[in-house]
Amino acid sequence: MLIDEPVSAETTPTGRPSQITGPHGCYQVRRVLEEWQAPGEARYYRLQITTPNGLAIAEVLAPRTTTTQWTLRQVWP
């Protein structure tokens, strides 16, 4: 499901998301599956998350600056 909306994220001391909260609910991050960043671009994370329906995969975009928010791009069941 393509969501592409701003969310808030709690992060670990290393800056990786541990929980994502947005209009569609609160998701616990079980593990980071992939992490990548193109030069000059924001950092992308592909995460395994816990939803009310079970495990899912989410793609989130970290903020490029301290004034912008995290973005939940997609969720796959």
PDB file of N, CA and C in Angstrom:
ATOM      1  N   MET A   1       0.842  -1.160   0.000  1.00  0.00           N
ATOM      2  CA  MET A   1       0.000   0.000   0.000  1.00  0.00           C
ATOM      3  C   MET A   1       0.897   1.235   0.000  1.00  0.00           C
ATOM      4  N   LEU A   2       0.702   2.114  -0.940  1.00  0.00           N
ATOM      5  CA  LEU A   2       1.445   3.367  -1.023  1.00  0.00           C
ATOM      6  C   LEU A   2       0.808   4.364  -0.066  1.00  0.00           C
ATOM      7  N   ILE A   3       1.585   4.868   0.858  1.00  0.00           N
ATOM      8  CA  ILE A   3       1.061   5.791   1.863  1.00  0.00           C
ATOM      9  C   ILE A   3       1.630   7.186   1.643  1.00  0.00           C
ATOM     10  N   ASP A   4       2.956   7.321   1.643  1.00  0.00           N
ATOM     11  CA  ASP A   4       3.655   8.575   1.369  1.00  0.00           C
ATOM     12  C   ASP A   4       3.137   9.726   2.227  1.00  0.00           C
ATOM     13  N   GLU A   5       3.229   9.560   3.569  1.00  0.00           N
ATOM     14  CA  GLU A   5       2.773  10.600   4.474  1.00  0.00           C
ATOM     15  C   GLU A   5       3.772  10.803   5.612  1.00  0.00           C
ATOM     16  N   PRO A   6       3.788  11.989   6.212  1.00  0.00           N
ATOM     17  CA  PRO A   6       4.718  12.250   7.306  1.00  0.00           C
ATOM     18  C   PRO A   6       4.343  11.454   8.551  1.00  0.00           C
ATOM     19  N   VAL A   7       5.356  10.980   9.252  1.00  0.00           N
ATOM     20  CA  VAL A   7       5.179  10.243  10.503  1.00  0.00           C
ATOM     21  C   VAL A   7       6.252  10.714  11.483  1.00  0.00           C
ATOM     22  N   SER A   8       6.051  10.368  12.745  1.00  0.00           N
ATOM     23  CA  SER A   8       7.107  10.609  13.726  1.00  0.00           C
ATOM     24  C   SER A   8       7.783   9.279  14.003  1.00  0.00           C
ATOM     25  N   ALA A   9       9.032   9.339  14.409  1.00  0.00           N
ATOM     26  CA  ALA A   9       9.779   8.109  14.656  1.00  0.00           C
ATOM     27  C   ALA A   9      10.611   8.245  15.922  1.00  0.00           C
ATOM     28  N   GLU A  10      10.572   7.202  16.736  1.00  0.00           N
ATOM     29  CA  GLU A  10      11.520   7.082  17.835  1.00  0.00           C
ATOM     30  C   GLU A  10      12.714   6.346  17.261  1.00  0.00           C
ATOM     31  N   THR A  11      13.905   6.761  17.658  1.00  0.00           N
ATOM     32  CA  THR A  11      15.104   6.160  17.084  1.00  0.00           C
ATOM     33  C   THR A  11      16.005   5.577  18.167  1.00  0.00           C
ATOM     34  N   THR A  12      16.863   4.677  17.737  1.00  0.00           N
ATOM     35  CA  THR A  12      17.884   4.104  18.606  1.00  0.00           C
ATOM     36  C   THR A  12      19.034   5.109  18.716  1.00  0.00           C
ATOM     37  N   PRO A  13      19.989   4.869  19.604  1.00  0.00           N
ATOM     38  CA  PRO A  13      21.140   5.779  19.692  1.00  0.00           C
ATOM     39  C   PRO A  13      21.925   5.903  18.377  1.00  0.00           C
ATOM     40  N   THR A  14      21.812   4.906  17.493  1.00  0.00           N
ATOM     41  CA  THR A  14      22.507   4.974  16.203  1.00  0.00           C
ATOM     42  C   THR A  14      21.696   5.692  15.131  1.00  0.00           C
ATOM     43  N   GLY A  15      20.471   6.148  15.464  1.00  0.00           N
ATOM     44  CA  GLY A  15      19.653   6.894  14.517  1.00  0.00           C
ATOM     45  C   GLY A  15      18.684   6.063  13.708  1.00  0.00           C
ATOM     46  N   ARG A  16      18.663   4.757  13.931  1.00  0.00           N
ATOM     47  CA  ARG A  16      17.715   3.904  13.206  1.00  0.00           C
ATOM     48  C   ARG A  16      16.348   3.940  13.885  1.00  0.00           C
ATOM     49  N   PRO A  17      15.269   3.871  13.104  1.00  0.00           N
ATOM     50  CA  PRO A  17      13.936   3.927  13.709  1.00  0.00           C
ATOM     51  C   PRO A  17      13.632   2.675  14.531  1.00  0.00           C
ATOM     52  N   SER A  18      12.983   2.869  15.689  1.00  0.00           N
ATOM     53  CA  SER A  18      12.556   1.747  16.526  1.00  0.00           C
ATOM     54  C   SER A  18      11.038   1.696  16.643  1.00  0.00           C
ATOM     55  N   GLN A  19      10.374   2.813  16.373  1.00  0.00           N
ATOM     56  CA  GLN A  19       8.915   2.879  16.372  1.00  0.00           C
ATOM     57  C   GLN A  19       8.488   4.003  15.444  1.00  0.00           C
ATOM     58  N   ILE A  20       7.412   3.767  14.687  1.00  0.00           N
ATOM     59  CA  ILE A  20       6.883   4.758  13.753  1.00  0.00           C
ATOM     60  C   ILE A  20       5.435   5.023  14.134  1.00  0.00           C
ATOM     61  N   THR A  21       5.067   6.293  14.230  1.00  0.00           N
ATOM     62  CA  THR A  21       3.703   6.662  14.591  1.00  0.00           C
ATOM     63  C   THR A  21       3.167   7.655  13.570  1.00  0.00           C
ATOM     64  N   GLY A  22       1.959   7.372  13.073  1.00  0.00           N
ATOM     65  CA  GLY A  22       1.329   8.254  12.102  1.00  0.00           C
ATOM     66  C   GLY A  22      -0.177   8.104  12.146  1.00  0.00           C
ATOM     67  N   PRO A  23      -0.886   8.702  11.201  1.00  0.00           N
ATOM     68  CA  PRO A  23      -2.348   8.636  11.170  1.00  0.00           C
ATOM     69  C   PRO A  23      -2.905   7.211  11.064  1.00  0.00           C
ATOM     70  N   HIS A  24      -2.126   6.291  10.491  1.00  0.00           N
ATOM     71  CA  HIS A  24      -2.601   4.915  10.332  1.00  0.00           C
ATOM     72  C   HIS A  24      -2.280   4.037  11.528  1.00  0.00           C
ATOM     73  N   GLY A  25      -1.601   4.574  12.540  1.00  0.00           N
ATOM     74  CA  GLY A  25      -1.308   3.800  13.737  1.00  0.00           C
ATOM     75  C   GLY A  25       0.143   3.888  14.163  1.00  0.00           C
ATOM     76  N   CYS A  26       0.460   3.058  15.150  1.00  0.00           N
ATOM     77  CA  CYS A  26       1.803   2.999  15.715  1.00  0.00           C
ATOM     78  C   CYS A  26       2.391   1.629  15.388  1.00  0.00           C
ATOM     79  N   TYR A  27       3.576   1.601  14.821  1.00  0.00           N
ATOM     80  CA  TYR A  27       4.212   0.356  14.404  1.00  0.00           C
ATOM     81  C   TYR A  27       5.546   0.187  15.120  1.00  0.00           C
ATOM     82  N   GLN A  28       5.764  -0.978  15.689  1.00  0.00           N
ATOM     83  CA  GLN A  28       7.047  -1.311  16.296  1.00  0.00           C
ATOM     84  C   GLN A  28       7.961  -1.867  15.210  1.00  0.00           C
ATOM     85  N   VAL A  29       9.192  -1.430  15.204  1.00  0.00           N
ATOM     86  CA  VAL A  29      10.172  -1.936  14.242  1.00  0.00           C
ATOM     87  C   VAL A  29      10.834  -3.167  14.839  1.00  0.00           C
ATOM     88  N   ARG A  30      10.709  -4.291  14.153  1.00  0.00           N
ATOM     89  CA  ARG A  30      11.349  -5.523  14.618  1.00  0.00           C
ATOM     90  C   ARG A  30      12.801  -5.586  14.189  1.00  0.00           C
ATOM     91  N   ARG A  31      13.066  -5.156  12.938  1.00  0.00           N
ATOM     92  CA  ARG A  31      14.455  -5.120  12.483  1.00  0.00           C
ATOM     93  C   ARG A  31      14.572  -4.279  11.217  1.00  0.00           C
ATOM     94  N   VAL A  32      15.771  -3.800  10.991  1.00  0.00           N
ATOM     95  CA  VAL A  32      16.089  -3.051   9.774  1.00  0.00           C
ATOM     96  C   VAL A  32      16.573  -4.061   8.745  1.00  0.00           C
ATOM     97  N   LEU A  33      15.860  -4.154   7.627  1.00  0.00           N
ATOM     98  CA  LEU A  33      16.222  -5.099   6.571  1.00  0.00           C
ATOM     99  C   LEU A  33      17.259  -4.506   5.621  1.00  0.00           C
ATOM    100  N   GLU A  34      17.070  -3.237   5.270  1.00  0.00           N
ATOM    101  CA  GLU A  34      17.999  -2.553   4.365  1.00  0.00           C
ATOM    102  C   GLU A  34      18.099  -1.095   4.777  1.00  0.00           C
ATOM    103  N   GLU A  35      19.225  -0.514   4.477  1.00  0.00           N
ATOM    104  CA  GLU A  35      19.454   0.899   4.743  1.00  0.00           C
ATOM    105  C   GLU A  35      20.380   1.414   3.647  1.00  0.00           C
ATOM    106  N   TRP A  36      19.985   2.483   2.989  1.00  0.00           N
ATOM    107  CA  TRP A  36      20.846   3.013   1.934  1.00  0.00           C
ATOM    108  C   TRP A  36      20.619   4.510   1.776  1.00  0.00           C
ATOM    109  N   GLN A  37      21.628   5.166   1.188  1.00  0.00           N
ATOM    110  CA  GLN A  37      21.559   6.602   0.967  1.00  0.00           C
ATOM    111  C   GLN A  37      22.384   6.961  -0.257  1.00  0.00           C
ATOM    112  N   ALA A  38      21.735   7.550  -1.237  1.00  0.00           N
ATOM    113  CA  ALA A  38      22.442   8.055  -2.415  1.00  0.00           C
ATOM    114  C   ALA A  38      23.110   9.377  -2.037  1.00  0.00           C
ATOM    115  N   PRO A  39      24.215   9.715  -2.669  1.00  0.00           N
ATOM    116  CA  PRO A  39      24.896  10.972  -2.354  1.00  0.00           C
ATOM    117  C   PRO A  39      23.953  12.171  -2.479  1.00  0.00           C
ATOM    118  N   GLY A  40      23.889  12.968  -1.437  1.00  0.00           N
ATOM    119  CA  GLY A  40      23.054  14.165  -1.447  1.00  0.00           C
ATOM    120  C   GLY A  40      21.581  13.925  -1.206  1.00  0.00           C
ATOM    121  N   GLU A  41      21.181  12.694  -0.980  1.00  0.00           N
ATOM    122  CA  GLU A  41      19.770  12.358  -0.787  1.00  0.00           C
ATOM    123  C   GLU A  41      19.504  11.946   0.660  1.00  0.00           C
ATOM    124  N   ALA A  42      18.231  11.820   1.004  1.00  0.00           N
ATOM    125  CA  ALA A  42      17.838  11.361   2.337  1.00  0.00           C
ATOM    126  C   ALA A  42      18.087   9.858   2.461  1.00  0.00           C
ATOM    127  N   ARG A  43      18.210   9.377   3.685  1.00  0.00           N
ATOM    128  CA  ARG A  43      18.464   7.955   3.942  1.00  0.00           C
ATOM    129  C   ARG A  43      17.143   7.173   3.914  1.00  0.00           C
ATOM    130  N   TYR A  44      17.141   6.045   3.196  1.00  0.00           N
ATOM    131  CA  TYR A  44      15.987   5.148   3.119  1.00  0.00           C
ATOM    132  C   TYR A  44      16.206   3.951   4.029  1.00  0.00           C
ATOM    133  N   TYR A  45      15.115   3.492   4.628  1.00  0.00           N
ATOM    134  CA  TYR A  45      15.142   2.276   5.439  1.00  0.00           C
ATOM    135  C   TYR A  45      14.032   1.352   4.965  1.00  0.00           C
ATOM    136  N   ARG A  46      14.333   0.086   4.841  1.00  0.00           N
ATOM    137  CA  ARG A  46      13.307  -0.939   4.636  1.00  0.00           C
ATOM    138  C   ARG A  46      13.268  -1.728   5.938  1.00  0.00           C
ATOM    139  N   LEU A  47      12.088  -1.770   6.555  1.00  0.00           N
ATOM    140  CA  LEU A  47      11.938  -2.288   7.910  1.00  0.00           C
ATOM    141  C   LEU A  47      10.943  -3.430   7.978  1.00  0.00           C
ATOM    142  N   GLN A  48      11.160  -4.332   8.911  1.00  0.00           N
ATOM    143  CA  GLN A  48      10.134  -5.302   9.273  1.00  0.00           C
ATOM    144  C   GLN A  48       9.417  -4.695  10.477  1.00  0.00           C
ATOM    145  N   ILE A  49       8.098  -4.505  10.354  1.00  0.00           N
ATOM    146  CA  ILE A  49       7.328  -3.867  11.417  1.00  0.00           C
ATOM    147  C   ILE A  49       6.210  -4.788  11.887  1.00  0.00           C
ATOM    148  N   THR A  50       5.704  -4.489  13.079  1.00  0.00           N
ATOM    149  CA  THR A  50       4.560  -5.200  13.624  1.00  0.00           C
ATOM    150  C   THR A  50       3.335  -4.311  13.458  1.00  0.00           C
ATOM    151  N   THR A  51       2.295  -4.837  12.789  1.00  0.00           N
ATOM    152  CA  THR A  51       1.032  -4.132  12.602  1.00  0.00           C
ATOM    153  C   THR A  51      -0.060  -4.898  13.344  1.00  0.00           C
ATOM    154  N   PRO A  52      -1.263  -4.333  13.473  1.00  0.00           N
ATOM    155  CA  PRO A  52      -2.358  -5.082  14.094  1.00  0.00           C
ATOM    156  C   PRO A  52      -2.688  -6.385  13.349  1.00  0.00           C
ATOM    157  N   ASN A  53      -2.346  -6.466  12.058  1.00  0.00           N
ATOM    158  CA  ASN A  53      -2.619  -7.666  11.261  1.00  0.00           C
ATOM    159  C   ASN A  53      -1.436  -8.619  11.196  1.00  0.00           C
ATOM    160  N   GLY A  54      -0.360  -8.322  11.907  1.00  0.00           N
ATOM    161  CA  GLY A  54       0.824  -9.178  11.885  1.00  0.00           C
ATOM    162  C   GLY A  54       2.031  -8.435  11.339  1.00  0.00           C
ATOM    163  N   LEU A  55       3.012  -9.195  10.885  1.00  0.00           N
ATOM    164  CA  LEU A  55       4.246  -8.597  10.371  1.00  0.00           C
ATOM    165  C   LEU A  55       4.040  -8.001   8.982  1.00  0.00           C
ATOM    166  N   ALA A  56       4.788  -6.950   8.697  1.00  0.00           N
ATOM    167  CA  ALA A  56       4.731  -6.297   7.389  1.00  0.00           C
ATOM    168  C   ALA A  56       6.099  -5.680   7.107  1.00  0.00           C
ATOM    169  N   ILE A  57       6.279  -5.244   5.880  1.00  0.00           N
ATOM    170  CA  ILE A  57       7.496  -4.556   5.461  1.00  0.00           C
ATOM    171  C   ILE A  57       7.120  -3.101   5.186  1.00  0.00           C
ATOM    172  N   ALA A  58       7.931  -2.182   5.690  1.00  0.00           N
ATOM    173  CA  ALA A  58       7.684  -0.753   5.475  1.00  0.00           C
ATOM    174  C   ALA A  58       8.928  -0.105   4.893  1.00  0.00           C
ATOM    175  N   GLU A  59       8.708   0.888   4.062  1.00  0.00           N
ATOM    176  CA  GLU A  59       9.798   1.703   3.533  1.00  0.00           C
ATOM    177  C   GLU A  59       9.615   3.110   4.080  1.00  0.00           C
ATOM    178  N   VAL A  60      10.633   3.602   4.786  1.00  0.00           N
ATOM    179  CA  VAL A  60      10.560   4.942   5.358  1.00  0.00           C
ATOM    180  C   VAL A  60      11.750   5.766   4.890  1.00  0.00           C
ATOM    181  N   LEU A  61      11.550   7.049   4.885  1.00  0.00           N
ATOM    182  CA  LEU A  61      12.561   8.004   4.460  1.00  0.00           C
ATOM    183  C   LEU A  61      12.892   8.882   5.658  1.00  0.00           C
ATOM    184  N   ALA A  62      14.160   8.920   6.046  1.00  0.00           N
ATOM    185  CA  ALA A  62      14.594   9.748   7.171  1.00  0.00           C
ATOM    186  C   ALA A  62      14.571  11.216   6.766  1.00  0.00           C
ATOM    187  N   PRO A  63      14.449  12.111   7.729  1.00  0.00           N
ATOM    188  CA  PRO A  63      14.466  13.536   7.385  1.00  0.00           C
ATOM    189  C   PRO A  63      15.829  13.968   6.865  1.00  0.00           C
ATOM    190  N   ARG A  64      15.821  14.840   5.885  1.00  0.00           N
ATOM    191  CA  ARG A  64      17.085  15.355   5.324  1.00  0.00           C
ATOM    192  C   ARG A  64      17.683  16.415   6.230  1.00  0.00           C
ATOM    193  N   THR A  65      16.819  17.116   6.966  1.00  0.00           N
ATOM    194  CA  THR A  65      17.274  18.146   7.902  1.00  0.00           C
ATOM    195  C   THR A  65      16.536  17.956   9.216  1.00  0.00           C
ATOM    196  N   THR A  66      16.928  18.683  10.225  1.00  0.00           N
ATOM    197  CA  THR A  66      16.261  18.562  11.523  1.00  0.00           C
ATOM    198  C   THR A  66      14.883  19.205  11.524  1.00  0.00           C
ATOM    199  N   THR A  67      14.549  19.976  10.508  1.00  0.00           N
ATOM    200  CA  THR A  67      13.247  20.641  10.459  1.00  0.00           C
ATOM    201  C   THR A  67      12.207  19.847   9.677  1.00  0.00           C
ATOM    202  N   THR A  68      12.597  18.770   9.040  1.00  0.00           N
ATOM    203  CA  THR A  68      11.637  17.959   8.292  1.00  0.00           C
ATOM    204  C   THR A  68      11.311  16.688   9.060  1.00  0.00           C
ATOM    205  N   GLN A  69      10.237  16.008   8.648  1.00  0.00           N
ATOM    206  CA  GLN A  69       9.777  14.805   9.328  1.00  0.00           C
ATOM    207  C   GLN A  69      10.172  13.555   8.567  1.00  0.00           C
ATOM    208  N   TRP A  70      10.040  12.417   9.250  1.00  0.00           N
ATOM    209  CA  TRP A  70      10.169  11.125   8.602  1.00  0.00           C
ATOM    210  C   TRP A  70       8.977  10.955   7.666  1.00  0.00           C
ATOM    211  N   THR A  71       9.145  10.136   6.631  1.00  0.00           N
ATOM    212  CA  THR A  71       8.060   9.866   5.688  1.00  0.00           C
ATOM    213  C   THR A  71       7.877   8.361   5.563  1.00  0.00           C
ATOM    214  N   LEU A  72       6.652   7.904   5.796  1.00  0.00           N
ATOM    215  CA  LEU A  72       6.299   6.502   5.572  1.00  0.00           C
ATOM    216  C   LEU A  72       5.869   6.390   4.125  1.00  0.00           C
ATOM    217  N   ARG A  73       6.689   5.720   3.314  1.00  0.00           N
ATOM    218  CA  ARG A  73       6.432   5.655   1.877  1.00  0.00           C
ATOM    219  C   ARG A  73       5.465   4.532   1.514  1.00  0.00           C
ATOM    220  N   GLN A  74       5.767   3.315   1.957  1.00  0.00           N
ATOM    221  CA  GLN A  74       4.955   2.158   1.576  1.00  0.00           C
ATOM    222  C   GLN A  74       4.919   1.142   2.706  1.00  0.00           C
ATOM    223  N   VAL A  75       3.856   0.337   2.700  1.00  0.00           N
ATOM    224  CA  VAL A  75       3.743  -0.807   3.613  1.00  0.00           C
ATOM    225  C   VAL A  75       3.261  -1.990   2.791  1.00  0.00           C
ATOM    226  N   TRP A  76       3.958  -3.118   2.928  1.00  0.00           N
ATOM    227  CA  TRP A  76       3.559  -4.359   2.263  1.00  0.00           C
ATOM    228  C   TRP A  76       3.201  -5.382   3.325  1.00  0.00           C
ATOM    229  N   PRO A  77       2.037  -6.039   3.201  1.00  0.00           N
ATOM    230  CA  PRO A  77       1.665  -7.069   4.199  1.00  0.00           C
ATOM    231  C   PRO A  77       2.549  -8.298   4.118  1.00  0.00           C
TER     232      PRO A  77
END
